[in-house]
C-alpha atoms as a PDB file:
ATOM      1  CA  MET A   1       0.000   0.000   0.000  1.00  0.00           C
ATOM      2  CA  ARG A   2       2.775   2.420   0.925  1.00  0.00           C
ATOM      3  CA  VAL A   3       4.706   1.802  -2.302  1.00  0.00           C
ATOM      4  CA  SER A   4       1.647   2.334  -4.480  1.00  0.00           C
ATOM      5  CA  PHE A   5       0.894   5.683  -2.843  1.00  0.00           C
ATOM      6  CA  LEU A   6       4.497   6.844  -2.890  1.00  0.00           C
ATOM      7  CA  MET A   7       4.872   5.896  -6.559  1.00  0.00           C
ATOM      8  CA  SER A   8       2.155   8.412  -7.389  1.00  0.00           C
ATOM      9  CA  ILE A   9       4.237  11.373  -6.192  1.00  0.00           C
ATOM     10  CA  PRO A  10       6.731  11.548  -9.089  1.00  0.00           C
ATOM     11  CA  VAL A  11       4.021  10.622 -11.596  1.00  0.00           C
ATOM     12  CA  ALA A  12       1.766  13.452 -10.453  1.00  0.00           C
ATOM     13  CA  LEU A  13       4.685  15.872 -10.438  1.00  0.00           C
ATOM     14  CA  ALA A  14       5.744  14.879 -13.958  1.00  0.00           C
ATOM     15  CA  ALA A  15       2.133  15.101 -15.180  1.00  0.00           C
ATOM     16  CA  GLY A  16       1.788  18.613 -13.811  1.00  0.00           C
ATOM     17  CA  ILE A  17       4.985  19.746 -15.475  1.00  0.00           C
ATOM     18  CA  GLY A  18       4.105  17.933 -18.704  1.00  0.00           C
ATOM     19  CA  VAL A  19       0.672  19.540 -18.930  1.00  0.00           C
ATOM     20  CA  ASN A  20       2.232  22.973 -18.494  1.00  0.00           C
ATOM     21  CA  LEU A  21       4.856  22.336 -21.151  1.00  0.00           C
ATOM     22  CA  VAL A  22       2.553  20.722 -23.730  1.00  0.00           C
ATOM     23  CA  GLY A  23      -0.214  23.239 -23.137  1.00  0.00           C
ATOM     24  CA  GLY A  24       2.121  26.092 -23.897  1.00  0.00           C
ATOM     25  CA  VAL A  25       1.757  27.504 -20.414  1.00  0.00           C
ATOM     26  CA  SER A  26       4.836  29.267 -19.189  1.00  0.00           C
ATOM     27  CA  LEU A  27       6.195  28.361 -15.787  1.00  0.00           C
ATOM     28  CA  ASP A  28       5.596  31.643 -14.035  1.00  0.00           C
ATOM     29  CA  VAL A  29       5.403  32.281 -10.303  1.00  0.00           C
ATOM     30  CA  SER A  30       1.710  31.425  -9.973  1.00  0.00           C
ATOM     31  CA  SER A  31       1.966  28.088 -11.801  1.00  0.00           C
ATOM     32  CA  ILE A  32       5.075  27.087  -9.862  1.00  0.00           C
ATOM     33  CA  SER A  33       3.429  27.984  -6.559  1.00  0.00           C
ATOM     34  CA  GLY A  34       0.337  26.008  -7.585  1.00  0.00           C
ATOM     35  CA  LEU A  35       2.511  23.039  -8.494  1.00  0.00           C
ATOM     36  CA  ILE A  36       4.275  23.192  -5.128  1.00  0.00           C
ATOM     37  CA  ALA A  37       0.959  23.520  -3.276  1.00  0.00           C
ATOM     38  CA  ALA A  38      -0.490  20.543  -5.143  1.00  0.00           C
ATOM     39  CA  PHE A  39       2.626  18.510  -4.383  1.00  0.00           C
ATOM     40  CA  LEU A  40       2.484  19.342  -0.676  1.00  0.00           C
ATOM     41  CA  PHE A  41      -1.252  18.696  -0.420  1.00  0.00           C
ATOM     42  CA  GLY A  42      -0.883  15.406  -2.321  1.00  0.00           C
ATOM     43  CA  THR A  43       1.924  14.294  -0.031  1.00  0.00           C
ATOM     44  CA  LEU A  44      -0.147  15.222   3.032  1.00  0.00           C
ATOM     45  CA  THR A  45      -3.149  13.342   1.644  1.00  0.00           C
ATOM     46  CA  ILE A  46      -1.060  10.243   0.967  1.00  0.00           C
ATOM     47  CA  GLY A  47       0.194  10.324   4.558  1.00  0.00           C
ATOM     48  CA  VAL A  48      -3.348  10.562   5.910  1.00  0.00           C
ATOM     49  CA  LEU A  49      -4.585   7.749   3.680  1.00  0.00           C
ATOM     50  CA  LEU A  50      -1.670   5.535   4.736  1.00  0.00           C
ATOM     51  CA  ARG A  51      -2.561   6.093   8.394  1.00  0.00           C
ATOM     52  CA  VAL A  52      -6.216   5.314   7.709  1.00  0.00           C
ATOM     53  CA  ALA A  53      -5.251   2.173   5.765  1.00  0.00           C
ATOM     54  CA  ALA A  54      -3.029   0.988   8.616  1.00  0.00           C
ATOM     55  CA  ARG A  55      -5.836   1.342  11.162  1.00  0.00           C
ATOM     56  CA  THR A  56      -8.687  -0.230   9.184  1.00  0.00           C
ATOM     57  CA  ARG A  57      -9.313  -3.498   7.410  1.00  0.00           C
ATOM     58  CA  PHE A  58      -8.449  -3.499   3.723  1.00  0.00           C
ATOM     59  CA  TRP A  59     -12.017  -4.038   2.479  1.00  0.00           C
ATOM     60  CA  LYS A  60     -13.263  -1.133   4.585  1.00  0.00           C
ATOM     61  CA  PHE A  61     -10.497   1.058   3.199  1.00  0.00           C
ATOM     62  CA  CYS A  62     -11.435   0.096  -0.376  1.00  0.00           C
ATOM     63  CA  LEU A  63     -15.089   0.817   0.339  1.00  0.00           C
ATOM     64  CA  PHE A  64     -14.135   4.191   1.821  1.00  0.00           C
ATOM     65  CA  LEU A  65     -12.114   5.126  -1.265  1.00  0.00           C
ATOM     66  CA  GLY A  66     -14.926   3.960  -3.539  1.00  0.00           C
ATOM     67  CA  VAL A  67     -17.470   6.139  -1.777  1.00  0.00           C
ATOM     68  CA  LEU A  68     -14.994   9.018  -1.698  1.00  0.00           C
ATOM     69  CA  SER A  69     -14.475   8.735  -5.458  1.00  0.00           C
ATOM     70  CA  LEU A  70     -18.249   8.986  -6.059  1.00  0.00           C
ATOM     71  CA  ILE A  71     -18.615  12.302  -4.225  1.00  0.00           C
ATOM     72  CA  PRO A  72     -17.524  14.466  -7.210  1.00  0.00           C
ATOM     73  CA  LEU A  73     -20.100  12.691  -9.384  1.00  0.00           C
ATOM     74  CA  LEU A  74     -22.813  13.436  -6.853  1.00  0.00           C
ATOM     75  CA  ILE A  75     -21.738  17.063  -6.562  1.00  0.00           C
ATOM     76  CA  GLU A  76     -21.646  17.477 -10.344  1.00  0.00           C
ATOM     77  CA  GLY A  77     -25.147  16.004 -10.618  1.00  0.00           C
ATOM     78  CA  LEU A  78     -26.566  18.642  -8.288  1.00  0.00           C
END
């Protein structure tokens, strides 16, 4: 579980940089600060999810993530 979450850090960072470069967006102060904020928030979120996964049974954790992933769909439908 830990390896799968930690492997997402460089992928997300590379995706953010790649989207900026392919999209023709220059790396100015606001985009760099947004990239750093997203990196820090993602790292914090991974830490929280790892602690939750360590304290709960795996099936409950999967159910929690499934429900959590449906929330944006419910919000968009409103």
